[in-house]
Amino acid sequence: MASVAIDQVHKQYGAASVIHGVSVHIEDGEFVTLVGPSGCGKSTLLRMLAGLEDISGGQIMIGGRVVNDVPPKERDIAMVFQSYALYPHMTVEENMGFALKLQGQGKAAIAKRVREAAGILALEPLLGRLPKQLSGGQRQRVAMGRAIVRHPKVFLFDEPLSNLDAKLRVTMRAEIKQLHQRLKTTTVYVTHDQVEAMTMADKIVVMRAGRIEQVGRPLELYDRPANTFVATFIGSPAMNLFEGKVDDGRFVLDDGTVFPLPAGTHNAQIRSYGIRPEHLAISDGEPGVAATVQLVEPTGAETMLVAKIGNQTATIVLRDRIDVRSGQNITLSVDQTKVHLFDGAGARIS
């Protein structure tokens, strides 16, 4: 195991700059996810960490050793790709042991490590099969097993669950997290799925356009997003954001709709009012925010409403089963202790 330090790393392709001075420290044994929309640079950063891409500036250290010019095979890392990258003509056992064979290790040592990894991943019955005889989830476990047998200092995962169906993604997500808890190997995991990031990571790095927007523990990012981008990217459904201004201790939208502000809030720089869907509720006869229901989506445990508030649309998540219909006028109450306020540039104020 080893810590990873990424210090002021840049990446350019000709005149085009895609990574702009990124810095992040990953502790020994930590599980860190790099998350962000497609094209934000997270996979490029992972590939630079692996040595598959040259860096244009800055420094990368693994276990205290600068690896800028170290070939991938000498970095003591193991990477799991989205495409599995299994050799189709090799059995599961041969795929898992191939890297060890290239290292010149003996047959007995290879077999021992392969059997250990197969036991961890419940692959023993599949060792004699070819990749084409496996399901998507089984192939992904083989790819993980091939990484485990090497006993690397760092695991790198590049969107490994993207090719799986929704139910299998949930299962594999749990398996990867349990694997990390068992092996305690430093792990860097790239995903565009913020639910994966929230449920798996010790620490999340949110990226946009080749820059880091915020770094923190999952619930830190959820409860105190640094800006409107993080606020709407982390959380599903996304945070509701309303544009307006502060007037006489209230937040007023352009159409005149009024939202309550936490007591003592008078900052004239506030331009965006954020509230998560679960912090809105249907008011029980008390003054609140007028809304018109547009869509009702019962999921069993929760009921999700899409409603029109002034000229903007909001999502409300309710724990209770309620009898409301599309087109119905309702009044919403806001949990003022959960309000998020941002300035005109999108930076957090409160």
Protein backbone atom coordinates (compact mmCIF):
# COMPACT_ATOMS: atom_id res chain seq x y z
CA MET A 1 0.00 0.00 0.00
CA ALA A 2 1.07 3.58 -0.57
CA SER A 3 -0.05 7.18 -0.51
CA VAL A 4 -0.48 9.08 -3.79
CA ALA A 5 0.39 12.77 -4.25
CA ILE A 6 -0.67 14.68 -7.35
CA ASP A 7 0.92 18.12 -7.29
CA GLN A 8 0.08 20.89 -9.78
CA VAL A 9 -0.33 18.43 -12.64
CA HIS A 10 -1.02 19.79 -16.13
CA LYS A 11 -1.85 18.03 -19.37
CA GLN A 12 -1.76 19.52 -22.84
CA TYR A 13 -2.41 18.07 -26.28
CA GLY A 14 -0.62 20.52 -28.52
CA ALA A 15 -2.12 23.95 -27.79
CA ALA A 16 -5.16 22.46 -26.03
CA SER A 17 -4.94 22.31 -22.23
CA VAL A 18 -7.14 19.64 -20.63
CA ILE A 19 -5.81 19.43 -17.05
CA HIS A 20 -5.10 22.73 -15.30
CA GLY A 21 -2.79 22.42 -12.31
CA VAL A 22 -4.62 19.69 -10.40
CA SER A 23 -3.42 18.86 -6.87
CA VAL A 24 -4.80 16.17 -4.57
CA HIS A 25 -3.34 13.96 -1.82
CA ILE A 26 -4.57 10.40 -1.32
CA GLU A 27 -3.74 8.73 1.98
CA ASP A 28 -2.35 5.22 2.31
CA GLY A 29 -5.29 2.79 2.15
CA GLU A 30 -7.84 5.44 1.19
CA PHE A 31 -10.61 4.89 -1.38
CA VAL A 32 -10.92 8.04 -3.51
CA THR A 33 -13.30 8.62 -6.39
CA LEU A 34 -12.71 11.08 -9.20
CA VAL A 35 -16.14 12.19 -10.34
CA GLY A 36 -17.45 14.65 -12.86
CA PRO A 37 -19.26 14.95 -16.20
CA SER A 38 -17.90 13.39 -19.38
CA GLY A 39 -14.86 15.24 -20.68
CA CYS A 40 -13.90 16.78 -17.33
CA GLY A 41 -10.44 15.13 -17.33
CA LYS A 42 -10.91 12.45 -14.68
CA SER A 43 -9.89 9.51 -16.90
CA THR A 44 -6.96 11.49 -18.29
CA LEU A 45 -5.78 12.15 -14.73
CA LEU A 46 -6.10 8.43 -13.89
CA ARG A 47 -4.14 7.47 -17.02
CA MET A 48 -1.37 9.91 -16.06
CA LEU A 49 -1.27 8.29 -12.62
CA ALA A 50 -0.96 4.90 -14.32
CA GLY A 51 1.78 6.13 -16.66
CA LEU A 52 -0.36 5.58 -19.77
CA GLU A 53 -0.30 9.34 -20.47
CA ASP A 54 2.68 11.65 -20.11
CA ILE A 55 2.21 14.69 -17.88
CA SER A 56 2.91 18.15 -19.28
CA GLY A 57 3.79 19.68 -15.93
CA GLY A 58 3.75 19.04 -12.20
CA GLN A 59 4.61 15.93 -10.23
CA ILE A 60 3.07 12.57 -9.33
CA MET A 61 4.34 10.55 -6.37
CA ILE A 62 3.41 7.00 -5.35
CA GLY A 63 4.61 5.88 -1.96
CA GLY A 64 6.88 8.93 -1.73
CA ARG A 65 8.57 8.13 -5.04
CA VAL A 66 8.33 10.54 -8.00
CA VAL A 67 7.02 8.50 -10.95
CA ASN A 68 6.76 11.14 -13.70
CA ASP A 69 9.20 9.23 -15.92
CA VAL A 70 8.69 5.73 -14.52
CA PRO A 71 7.15 3.20 -16.99
CA PRO A 72 3.70 1.82 -16.07
CA LYS A 73 4.98 -1.68 -15.31
CA GLU A 74 7.41 -0.27 -12.74
CA ARG A 75 4.90 1.88 -10.83
CA ASP A 76 3.48 -1.06 -8.83
CA ILE A 77 -0.10 -0.22 -9.73
CA ALA A 78 -2.90 -2.37 -11.16
CA MET A 79 -5.63 -0.95 -13.39
CA VAL A 80 -9.13 -2.27 -14.05
CA PHE A 81 -10.64 -0.98 -17.28
CA GLN A 82 -14.23 -0.36 -18.35
CA SER A 83 -13.85 -2.87 -21.20
CA TYR A 84 -12.44 -5.66 -18.92
CA ALA A 85 -9.55 -6.17 -21.42
CA LEU A 86 -9.45 -9.95 -20.99
CA TYR A 87 -7.54 -12.18 -23.39
CA PRO A 88 -10.31 -14.10 -25.24
CA HIS A 89 -8.19 -17.21 -25.93
CA MET A 90 -7.11 -17.64 -22.29
CA THR A 91 -9.05 -19.26 -19.47
CA VAL A 92 -9.98 -17.29 -16.36
CA GLU A 93 -7.03 -18.83 -14.53
CA GLU A 94 -4.62 -17.94 -17.33
CA ASN A 95 -5.96 -14.39 -17.57
CA MET A 96 -5.53 -13.84 -13.85
CA GLY A 97 -2.02 -15.23 -13.76
CA PHE A 98 -0.68 -13.76 -16.99
CA ALA A 99 0.98 -10.66 -15.46
CA LEU A 100 2.76 -12.89 -12.93
CA LYS A 101 3.93 -15.15 -15.75
CA LEU A 102 5.43 -12.13 -17.52
CA GLN A 103 7.28 -11.32 -14.30
CA GLY A 104 8.91 -14.73 -14.48
CA GLN A 105 7.27 -16.20 -11.38
CA GLY A 106 7.04 -19.96 -11.03
CA LYS A 107 3.94 -22.01 -11.74
CA ALA A 108 3.36 -22.88 -8.08
CA ALA A 109 3.58 -19.25 -6.93
CA ILE A 110 1.23 -18.14 -9.72
CA ALA A 111 -1.29 -20.88 -8.95
CA LYS A 112 -1.24 -19.97 -5.25
CA ARG A 113 -1.94 -16.27 -5.88
CA VAL A 114 -4.61 -17.01 -8.47
CA ARG A 115 -6.40 -19.40 -6.09
CA GLU A 116 -6.25 -16.79 -3.31
CA ALA A 117 -7.77 -14.10 -5.53
CA ALA A 118 -10.36 -16.53 -6.92
CA GLY A 119 -11.40 -17.34 -3.36
CA ILE A 120 -11.86 -13.67 -2.50
CA LEU A 121 -13.99 -13.08 -5.62
CA ALA A 122 -15.87 -16.42 -5.66
CA LEU A 123 -14.34 -17.35 -9.02
CA GLU A 124 -13.12 -20.89 -8.20
CA PRO A 125 -15.82 -22.66 -10.27
CA LEU A 126 -15.01 -20.46 -13.28
CA LEU A 127 -11.22 -20.85 -13.49
CA GLY A 128 -11.37 -23.20 -16.49
CA ARG A 129 -13.78 -21.07 -18.55
CA LEU A 130 -13.06 -18.66 -21.38
CA PRO A 131 -14.24 -15.02 -21.17
CA LYS A 132 -16.97 -15.62 -23.78
CA GLN A 133 -18.54 -18.15 -21.39
CA LEU A 134 -18.91 -15.53 -18.61
CA SER A 135 -21.52 -12.92 -17.79
CA GLY A 136 -20.60 -9.23 -17.63
CA GLY A 137 -20.36 -9.31 -13.85
CA GLN A 138 -18.17 -12.41 -13.91
CA ARG A 139 -15.84 -10.81 -16.47
CA GLN A 140 -15.51 -7.76 -14.28
CA ARG A 141 -14.61 -9.93 -11.29
CA VAL A 142 -11.94 -11.66 -13.39
CA ALA A 143 -10.51 -8.26 -14.33
CA MET A 144 -10.44 -7.38 -10.63
CA GLY A 145 -8.83 -10.74 -9.83
CA ARG A 146 -6.10 -10.10 -12.38
CA ALA A 147 -5.34 -6.87 -10.51
CA ILE A 148 -5.47 -8.46 -7.05
CA VAL A 149 -2.94 -11.21 -7.80
CA ARG A 150 -0.24 -8.61 -8.38
CA HIS A 151 -0.48 -7.28 -4.80
CA PRO A 152 -0.06 -3.70 -6.08
CA LYS A 153 0.46 -0.58 -4.00
CA VAL A 154 -2.46 1.15 -5.73
CA PHE A 155 -5.61 -0.03 -7.53
CA LEU A 156 -6.90 2.16 -10.37
CA PHE A 157 -10.47 1.69 -11.62
CA ASP A 158 -11.61 3.46 -14.82
CA GLU A 159 -15.44 3.41 -14.85
CA PRO A 160 -15.46 -0.39 -14.35
CA LEU A 161 -19.23 -0.75 -13.99
CA SER A 162 -20.39 1.31 -16.99
CA ASN A 163 -21.12 -1.74 -19.15
CA LEU A 164 -23.29 -3.50 -16.55
CA ASP A 165 -27.05 -3.27 -16.07
CA ALA A 166 -28.46 -1.24 -13.17
CA LYS A 167 -29.08 -4.17 -10.80
CA LEU A 168 -25.65 -5.70 -11.40
CA ARG A 169 -23.97 -2.30 -10.91
CA VAL A 170 -25.44 -2.15 -7.40
CA THR A 171 -24.16 -5.66 -6.61
CA MET A 172 -20.69 -5.00 -8.02
CA ARG A 173 -20.50 -1.67 -6.22
CA ALA A 174 -20.94 -3.49 -2.92
CA GLU A 175 -18.38 -6.15 -3.93
CA ILE A 176 -15.73 -3.56 -4.76
CA LYS A 177 -16.32 -1.72 -1.50
CA GLN A 178 -16.11 -4.96 0.50
CA LEU A 179 -12.95 -5.89 -1.40
CA HIS A 180 -11.36 -2.59 -0.42
CA GLN A 181 -12.35 -3.06 3.22
CA ARG A 182 -10.70 -6.50 3.14
CA LEU A 183 -7.48 -5.63 1.28
CA LYS A 184 -7.14 -1.98 2.43
CA THR A 185 -5.19 -1.15 -0.73
CA THR A 186 -5.09 2.50 -1.81
CA THR A 187 -7.74 2.86 -4.53
CA VAL A 188 -8.46 5.56 -7.09
CA TYR A 189 -11.81 5.07 -8.83
CA VAL A 190 -13.10 7.09 -11.78
CA THR A 191 -16.83 7.40 -12.41
CA HIS A 192 -19.34 9.84 -13.86
CA ASP A 193 -22.01 8.35 -11.59
CA GLN A 194 -22.25 10.43 -8.41
CA VAL A 195 -24.25 7.68 -6.66
CA GLU A 196 -21.24 5.35 -7.07
CA ALA A 197 -18.99 8.11 -5.76
CA MET A 198 -21.20 8.79 -2.72
CA THR A 199 -21.67 5.16 -1.70
CA MET A 200 -18.14 3.86 -2.22
CA ALA A 201 -15.63 6.58 -1.43
CA ASP A 202 -13.78 7.69 1.67
CA LYS A 203 -13.10 10.92 -0.23
CA ILE A 204 -14.54 12.42 -3.41
CA VAL A 205 -12.73 14.67 -5.88
CA VAL A 206 -15.26 16.60 -8.00
CA MET A 207 -13.85 17.74 -11.34
CA ARG A 208 -15.07 20.06 -14.06
CA ALA A 209 -13.27 21.15 -17.23
CA GLY A 210 -9.88 19.89 -16.06
CA ARG A 211 -10.04 21.53 -12.62
CA ILE A 212 -10.97 20.38 -9.14
CA GLU A 213 -14.14 22.01 -7.83
CA GLN A 214 -14.14 20.44 -4.35
CA VAL A 215 -12.52 17.63 -2.37
CA GLY A 216 -14.10 16.10 0.73
CA ARG A 217 -15.92 13.22 2.33
CA PRO A 218 -19.22 12.29 0.64
CA LEU A 219 -21.53 13.82 3.24
CA GLU A 220 -19.36 16.93 3.52
CA LEU A 221 -19.91 17.58 -0.18
CA TYR A 222 -23.60 16.78 0.13
CA ASP A 223 -24.18 19.01 3.16
CA ARG A 224 -21.83 21.89 2.27
CA PRO A 225 -21.18 22.06 -1.48
CA ALA A 226 -18.61 24.73 -2.31
CA ASN A 227 -20.53 26.03 -5.31
CA THR A 228 -23.62 25.54 -7.43
CA PHE A 229 -21.87 23.01 -9.71
CA VAL A 230 -21.08 20.66 -6.83
CA ALA A 231 -24.51 21.34 -5.30
CA THR A 232 -26.34 20.14 -8.40
CA PHE A 233 -23.88 17.37 -9.34
CA ILE A 234 -23.76 15.63 -5.96
CA GLY A 235 -27.15 14.28 -4.89
CA SER A 236 -29.89 12.38 -6.69
CA PRO A 237 -32.34 13.93 -7.39
CA ALA A 238 -30.28 17.11 -7.74
CA MET A 239 -30.56 20.11 -5.45
CA ASN A 240 -33.21 22.65 -6.43
CA LEU A 241 -31.69 26.03 -7.29
CA PHE A 242 -33.74 29.21 -7.56
CA GLU A 243 -32.46 32.50 -8.95
CA GLY A 244 -33.44 35.78 -7.32
CA LYS A 245 -32.28 38.32 -4.74
CA VAL A 246 -32.55 39.19 -1.05
CA ASP A 247 -35.22 41.76 -0.17
CA ASP A 248 -36.17 42.68 3.39
CA GLY A 249 -34.96 39.40 4.90
CA ARG A 250 -36.61 37.24 2.24
CA PHE A 251 -35.42 35.66 -1.00
CA VAL A 252 -37.55 36.87 -3.90
CA LEU A 253 -37.62 35.30 -7.35
CA ASP A 254 -37.98 37.44 -10.47
CA ASP A 255 -41.69 36.58 -10.68
CA GLY A 256 -42.27 37.67 -7.07
CA THR A 257 -42.34 34.23 -5.44
CA VAL A 258 -40.96 34.49 -1.90
CA PHE A 259 -38.77 31.96 -0.08
CA PRO A 260 -37.93 32.21 3.62
CA LEU A 261 -34.32 32.87 4.64
CA PRO A 262 -32.59 31.68 7.81
CA ALA A 263 -32.88 34.28 10.58
CA GLY A 264 -30.36 37.10 10.33
CA THR A 265 -29.59 36.59 6.62
CA HIS A 266 -29.26 39.94 4.84
CA ASN A 267 -26.33 39.43 2.44
CA ALA A 268 -27.11 41.38 -0.72
CA GLN A 269 -24.67 39.21 -2.73
CA ILE A 270 -26.99 36.17 -2.58
CA ARG A 271 -28.28 35.28 -6.03
CA SER A 272 -29.07 31.55 -5.78
CA TYR A 273 -31.20 29.74 -3.21
CA GLY A 274 -30.64 25.99 -2.93
CA ILE A 275 -32.79 23.40 -1.20
CA ARG A 276 -32.56 19.64 -1.56
CA PRO A 277 -35.73 17.77 -2.61
CA GLU A 278 -36.08 15.99 0.76
CA HIS A 279 -36.04 19.33 2.62
CA LEU A 280 -39.28 20.49 1.02
CA ALA A 281 -42.62 19.27 2.38
CA ILE A 282 -46.29 19.88 1.77
CA SER A 283 -47.40 22.53 4.25
CA ASP A 284 -50.11 21.61 6.74
CA GLY A 285 -52.20 24.77 6.64
CA GLU A 286 -49.25 27.06 7.36
CA PRO A 287 -47.91 29.85 5.10
CA GLY A 288 -45.42 28.60 2.57
CA VAL A 289 -44.41 28.60 -1.08
CA ALA A 290 -47.15 28.15 -3.69
CA ALA A 291 -46.54 25.37 -6.24
CA THR A 292 -48.42 23.46 -8.93
CA VAL A 293 -47.88 19.72 -9.26
CA GLN A 294 -46.75 18.65 -12.74
CA LEU A 295 -45.79 15.04 -12.16
CA VAL A 296 -46.23 12.42 -9.42
CA GLU A 297 -43.78 9.48 -9.28
CA PRO A 298 -44.45 6.97 -6.48
CA THR A 299 -41.50 4.61 -5.91
CA GLY A 300 -42.87 2.71 -2.91
CA ALA A 301 -40.65 3.97 -0.11
CA GLU A 302 -40.90 7.56 -1.38
CA THR A 303 -43.04 9.77 -3.55
CA MET A 304 -41.32 12.21 -5.88
CA LEU A 305 -43.15 15.28 -7.14
CA VAL A 306 -42.14 17.63 -9.93
CA ALA A 307 -43.79 20.98 -9.37
CA LYS A 308 -43.83 24.45 -10.86
CA ILE A 309 -42.81 27.25 -8.50
CA GLY A 310 -43.19 30.60 -10.22
CA ASN A 311 -41.38 30.25 -13.52
CA GLN A 312 -39.07 27.50 -12.28
CA THR A 313 -39.37 23.74 -11.74
CA ALA A 314 -38.62 21.97 -8.47
CA THR A 315 -38.34 18.37 -7.32
CA ILE A 316 -39.80 17.30 -3.97
CA VAL A 317 -39.13 13.94 -2.32
CA LEU A 318 -41.65 12.87 0.34
CA ARG A 319 -41.41 9.87 2.64
CA ASP A 320 -45.16 9.64 3.06
CA ARG A 321 -47.63 8.30 0.52
CA ILE A 322 -49.81 11.23 -0.45
CA ASP A 323 -52.90 11.75 -2.58
CA VAL A 324 -51.99 14.50 -5.03
CA ARG A 325 -52.59 14.79 -8.77
CA SER A 326 -50.98 16.54 -11.70
CA GLY A 327 -52.32 20.08 -11.98
CA GLN A 328 -53.14 20.37 -8.26
CA ASN A 329 -52.08 23.51 -6.39
CA ILE A 330 -50.14 22.86 -3.18
CA THR A 331 -48.21 24.86 -0.60
CA LEU A 332 -44.67 23.85 0.32
CA SER A 333 -42.78 24.43 3.55
CA VAL A 334 -39.00 24.82 3.54
CA ASP A 335 -36.63 23.48 6.19
CA GLN A 336 -34.75 26.75 6.75
CA THR A 337 -31.90 24.97 8.55
CA LYS A 338 -31.07 23.16 5.27
CA VAL A 339 -30.99 26.14 2.91
CA HIS A 340 -27.87 26.69 0.74
CA LEU A 341 -27.07 30.23 -0.46
CA PHE A 342 -24.72 31.19 -3.31
CA ASP A 343 -23.49 34.41 -4.88
CA GLY A 344 -23.75 35.49 -8.52
CA ALA A 345 -20.59 33.56 -9.44
CA GLY A 346 -22.00 30.37 -7.90
CA ALA A 347 -19.75 30.32 -4.82
CA ARG A 348 -21.20 29.28 -1.48
CA ILE A 349 -22.16 32.07 0.95
CA SER A 350 -23.98 30.02 3.59
